[in-house]
Amino acid sequence: MPEPVETHSPDGIDYGWVMQVTFVTTIVVGAPLVALLALFSGVSLPTWASRVSFAVRVGAIVWFITAIGVFLYARTHQTVGQ
């Protein structure tokens, strides 16, 4: 008989937790950071296309740094089988 679907035994890092925390942290920290950089960086953003491009470029860097930080935190602080 196969094991029921609702039970599992994760080995290592809970990647679902990492993705959720990365998403929330990036929105909470990244959105204000992108807005402040857009206002005070001295970069000319005259069109919506340039604003979107700026937000995507800076947001990608913020997302990547946040994801690496959350992953490293999870790797050092989470235990197997939580």
N, C-alpha and C. Protein backbone atom coordinates (compact mmCIF):
# COMPACT_ATOMS: atom_id res chain seq x y z
N MET A 1 0.85 -1.18 0.00
CA MET A 1 0.00 0.00 0.00
C MET A 1 0.90 1.24 0.00
N PRO A 2 0.65 2.20 -0.89
CA PRO A 2 1.47 3.41 -0.92
C PRO A 2 1.21 4.31 0.29
N GLU A 3 2.21 5.12 0.60
CA GLU A 3 2.10 6.05 1.73
C GLU A 3 1.08 7.14 1.38
N PRO A 4 0.24 7.57 2.33
CA PRO A 4 -0.73 8.63 2.06
C PRO A 4 -0.03 9.91 1.58
N VAL A 5 -0.72 10.64 0.72
CA VAL A 5 -0.15 11.83 0.11
C VAL A 5 0.05 12.94 1.13
N GLU A 6 -0.79 13.02 2.14
CA GLU A 6 -0.73 14.14 3.08
C GLU A 6 0.44 14.09 4.06
N THR A 7 1.23 13.05 4.04
CA THR A 7 2.40 12.99 4.90
C THR A 7 3.66 12.99 4.05
N HIS A 8 4.68 13.60 4.58
CA HIS A 8 5.98 13.60 3.90
C HIS A 8 7.08 13.80 4.91
N SER A 9 8.26 13.49 4.52
CA SER A 9 9.41 13.64 5.38
C SER A 9 10.48 14.43 4.62
N PRO A 10 10.48 15.78 4.78
CA PRO A 10 11.44 16.58 4.01
C PRO A 10 12.87 16.33 4.49
N ASP A 11 13.74 16.24 3.55
CA ASP A 11 15.16 16.07 3.86
C ASP A 11 15.87 17.38 3.55
N GLY A 12 16.35 18.04 4.57
CA GLY A 12 17.12 19.26 4.34
C GLY A 12 16.27 20.51 4.40
N ILE A 13 16.45 21.36 3.42
CA ILE A 13 15.85 22.69 3.42
C ILE A 13 14.42 22.63 2.91
N ASP A 14 13.54 23.40 3.54
CA ASP A 14 12.16 23.53 3.11
C ASP A 14 12.11 24.62 2.04
N TYR A 15 12.16 24.22 0.78
CA TYR A 15 12.23 25.18 -0.31
C TYR A 15 10.96 26.00 -0.47
N GLY A 16 9.82 25.44 -0.06
CA GLY A 16 8.57 26.20 -0.07
C GLY A 16 8.66 27.39 0.88
N TRP A 17 9.22 27.15 2.06
CA TRP A 17 9.40 28.24 3.03
C TRP A 17 10.36 29.28 2.47
N VAL A 18 11.44 28.83 1.84
CA VAL A 18 12.42 29.75 1.28
C VAL A 18 11.76 30.63 0.21
N MET A 19 10.96 30.04 -0.66
CA MET A 19 10.31 30.82 -1.72
C MET A 19 9.31 31.82 -1.14
N GLN A 20 8.53 31.39 -0.14
CA GLN A 20 7.54 32.29 0.46
C GLN A 20 8.21 33.46 1.17
N VAL A 21 9.24 33.18 1.96
CA VAL A 21 9.92 34.24 2.69
C VAL A 21 10.65 35.18 1.72
N THR A 22 11.22 34.62 0.67
CA THR A 22 11.89 35.45 -0.34
C THR A 22 10.89 36.39 -0.98
N PHE A 23 9.72 35.88 -1.35
CA PHE A 23 8.70 36.71 -2.00
C PHE A 23 8.26 37.85 -1.08
N VAL A 24 7.89 37.51 0.15
CA VAL A 24 7.39 38.53 1.07
C VAL A 24 8.46 39.56 1.41
N THR A 25 9.67 39.09 1.69
CA THR A 25 10.75 40.00 2.05
C THR A 25 11.12 40.91 0.89
N THR A 26 11.12 40.38 -0.32
CA THR A 26 11.44 41.20 -1.48
C THR A 26 10.39 42.29 -1.69
N ILE A 27 9.12 41.97 -1.50
CA ILE A 27 8.07 42.97 -1.65
C ILE A 27 8.19 44.03 -0.55
N VAL A 28 8.34 43.59 0.69
CA VAL A 28 8.37 44.52 1.82
C VAL A 28 9.61 45.42 1.79
N VAL A 29 10.76 44.86 1.45
CA VAL A 29 12.00 45.63 1.46
C VAL A 29 12.31 46.18 0.07
N GLY A 30 12.08 45.37 -0.96
CA GLY A 30 12.49 45.75 -2.31
C GLY A 30 11.68 46.86 -2.93
N ALA A 31 10.37 46.85 -2.75
CA ALA A 31 9.53 47.88 -3.37
C ALA A 31 9.90 49.29 -2.88
N PRO A 32 10.01 49.51 -1.57
CA PRO A 32 10.43 50.84 -1.13
C PRO A 32 11.86 51.18 -1.59
N LEU A 33 12.74 50.19 -1.63
CA LEU A 33 14.10 50.43 -2.08
C LEU A 33 14.14 50.86 -3.54
N VAL A 34 13.39 50.19 -4.39
CA VAL A 34 13.33 50.56 -5.81
C VAL A 34 12.74 51.97 -5.96
N ALA A 35 11.70 52.27 -5.19
CA ALA A 35 11.10 53.61 -5.26
C ALA A 35 12.09 54.68 -4.83
N LEU A 36 12.81 54.45 -3.73
CA LEU A 36 13.79 55.43 -3.26
C LEU A 36 14.93 55.60 -4.26
N LEU A 37 15.39 54.51 -4.83
CA LEU A 37 16.45 54.60 -5.83
C LEU A 37 15.97 55.35 -7.07
N ALA A 38 14.73 55.14 -7.46
CA ALA A 38 14.18 55.85 -8.62
C ALA A 38 14.09 57.34 -8.36
N LEU A 39 13.77 57.72 -7.12
CA LEU A 39 13.63 59.14 -6.80
C LEU A 39 14.97 59.84 -6.60
N PHE A 40 15.92 59.16 -5.97
CA PHE A 40 17.14 59.85 -5.55
C PHE A 40 18.42 59.39 -6.24
N SER A 41 18.34 58.54 -7.24
CA SER A 41 19.56 58.06 -7.88
C SER A 41 20.06 59.00 -8.98
N GLY A 42 19.24 59.91 -9.41
CA GLY A 42 19.66 60.82 -10.46
C GLY A 42 19.48 60.24 -11.86
N VAL A 43 18.87 59.08 -11.96
CA VAL A 43 18.61 58.46 -13.25
C VAL A 43 17.35 59.09 -13.84
N SER A 44 17.43 59.47 -15.11
CA SER A 44 16.29 60.07 -15.79
C SER A 44 15.31 58.97 -16.20
N LEU A 45 14.06 59.08 -15.74
CA LEU A 45 13.03 58.10 -16.07
C LEU A 45 11.82 58.82 -16.67
N PRO A 46 11.95 59.32 -17.90
CA PRO A 46 10.89 60.15 -18.47
C PRO A 46 9.67 59.38 -18.99
N THR A 47 9.83 58.12 -19.35
CA THR A 47 8.72 57.35 -19.92
C THR A 47 8.39 56.16 -19.02
N TRP A 48 7.20 55.61 -19.24
CA TRP A 48 6.80 54.44 -18.47
C TRP A 48 7.69 53.25 -18.80
N ALA A 49 8.11 53.15 -20.05
CA ALA A 49 9.00 52.04 -20.43
C ALA A 49 10.32 52.11 -19.67
N SER A 50 10.88 53.30 -19.53
CA SER A 50 12.14 53.43 -18.79
C SER A 50 11.94 53.16 -17.30
N ARG A 51 10.79 53.54 -16.77
CA ARG A 51 10.50 53.27 -15.36
C ARG A 51 10.35 51.78 -15.09
N VAL A 52 9.65 51.10 -15.99
CA VAL A 52 9.47 49.65 -15.84
C VAL A 52 10.82 48.94 -15.97
N SER A 53 11.60 49.36 -16.94
CA SER A 53 12.92 48.75 -17.14
C SER A 53 13.79 48.94 -15.90
N PHE A 54 13.77 50.12 -15.33
CA PHE A 54 14.55 50.40 -14.12
C PHE A 54 14.07 49.52 -12.96
N ALA A 55 12.75 49.43 -12.77
CA ALA A 55 12.20 48.63 -11.68
C ALA A 55 12.55 47.15 -11.84
N VAL A 56 12.51 46.65 -13.06
CA VAL A 56 12.82 45.24 -13.30
C VAL A 56 14.31 44.98 -13.04
N ARG A 57 15.17 45.87 -13.53
CA ARG A 57 16.61 45.66 -13.33
C ARG A 57 16.99 45.71 -11.86
N VAL A 58 16.53 46.71 -11.15
CA VAL A 58 16.87 46.84 -9.73
C VAL A 58 16.15 45.77 -8.91
N GLY A 59 14.89 45.49 -9.25
CA GLY A 59 14.13 44.47 -8.53
C GLY A 59 14.74 43.08 -8.67
N ALA A 60 15.30 42.78 -9.83
CA ALA A 60 15.94 41.47 -10.03
C ALA A 60 17.16 41.32 -9.13
N ILE A 61 17.92 42.38 -8.98
CA ILE A 61 19.09 42.33 -8.10
C ILE A 61 18.65 42.16 -6.64
N VAL A 62 17.62 42.90 -6.24
CA VAL A 62 17.10 42.79 -4.87
C VAL A 62 16.57 41.37 -4.63
N TRP A 63 15.83 40.82 -5.60
CA TRP A 63 15.28 39.47 -5.47
C TRP A 63 16.40 38.45 -5.32
N PHE A 64 17.43 38.55 -6.14
CA PHE A 64 18.54 37.59 -6.11
C PHE A 64 19.26 37.64 -4.76
N ILE A 65 19.58 38.83 -4.29
CA ILE A 65 20.28 38.98 -3.02
C ILE A 65 19.42 38.46 -1.87
N THR A 66 18.13 38.76 -1.90
CA THR A 66 17.22 38.28 -0.86
C THR A 66 17.12 36.76 -0.87
N ALA A 67 17.00 36.18 -2.06
CA ALA A 67 16.88 34.73 -2.18
C ALA A 67 18.12 34.02 -1.64
N ILE A 68 19.30 34.54 -1.97
CA ILE A 68 20.53 33.94 -1.47
C ILE A 68 20.60 34.05 0.05
N GLY A 69 20.24 35.21 0.58
CA GLY A 69 20.26 35.40 2.04
C GLY A 69 19.28 34.49 2.76
N VAL A 70 18.06 34.36 2.24
CA VAL A 70 17.06 33.50 2.87
C VAL A 70 17.49 32.03 2.78
N PHE A 71 18.04 31.62 1.63
CA PHE A 71 18.51 30.25 1.48
C PHE A 71 19.62 29.93 2.47
N LEU A 72 20.59 30.84 2.60
CA LEU A 72 21.68 30.61 3.55
C LEU A 72 21.17 30.56 4.99
N TYR A 73 20.20 31.42 5.30
CA TYR A 73 19.59 31.39 6.63
C TYR A 73 18.92 30.04 6.87
N ALA A 74 18.14 29.59 5.91
CA ALA A 74 17.43 28.31 6.06
C ALA A 74 18.41 27.15 6.18
N ARG A 75 19.48 27.20 5.42
CA ARG A 75 20.45 26.11 5.46
C ARG A 75 21.14 26.01 6.82
N THR A 76 21.37 27.15 7.48
CA THR A 76 22.07 27.13 8.76
C THR A 76 21.15 27.02 9.97
N HIS A 77 19.87 27.39 9.83
CA HIS A 77 18.99 27.43 11.00
C HIS A 77 17.87 26.40 11.00
N GLN A 78 17.52 25.84 9.87
CA GLN A 78 16.44 24.84 9.87
C GLN A 78 17.01 23.46 10.07
N THR A 79 16.25 22.64 10.79
CA THR A 79 16.69 21.26 11.02
C THR A 79 15.84 20.33 10.16
N VAL A 80 16.34 19.16 9.90
CA VAL A 80 15.65 18.17 9.09
C VAL A 80 14.41 17.69 9.84
N GLY A 81 13.29 17.60 9.11
CA GLY A 81 12.07 17.06 9.70
C GLY A 81 11.23 18.05 10.45
N GLN A 82 11.39 19.34 10.22
CA GLN A 82 10.56 20.33 10.92
C GLN A 82 9.16 20.27 10.44
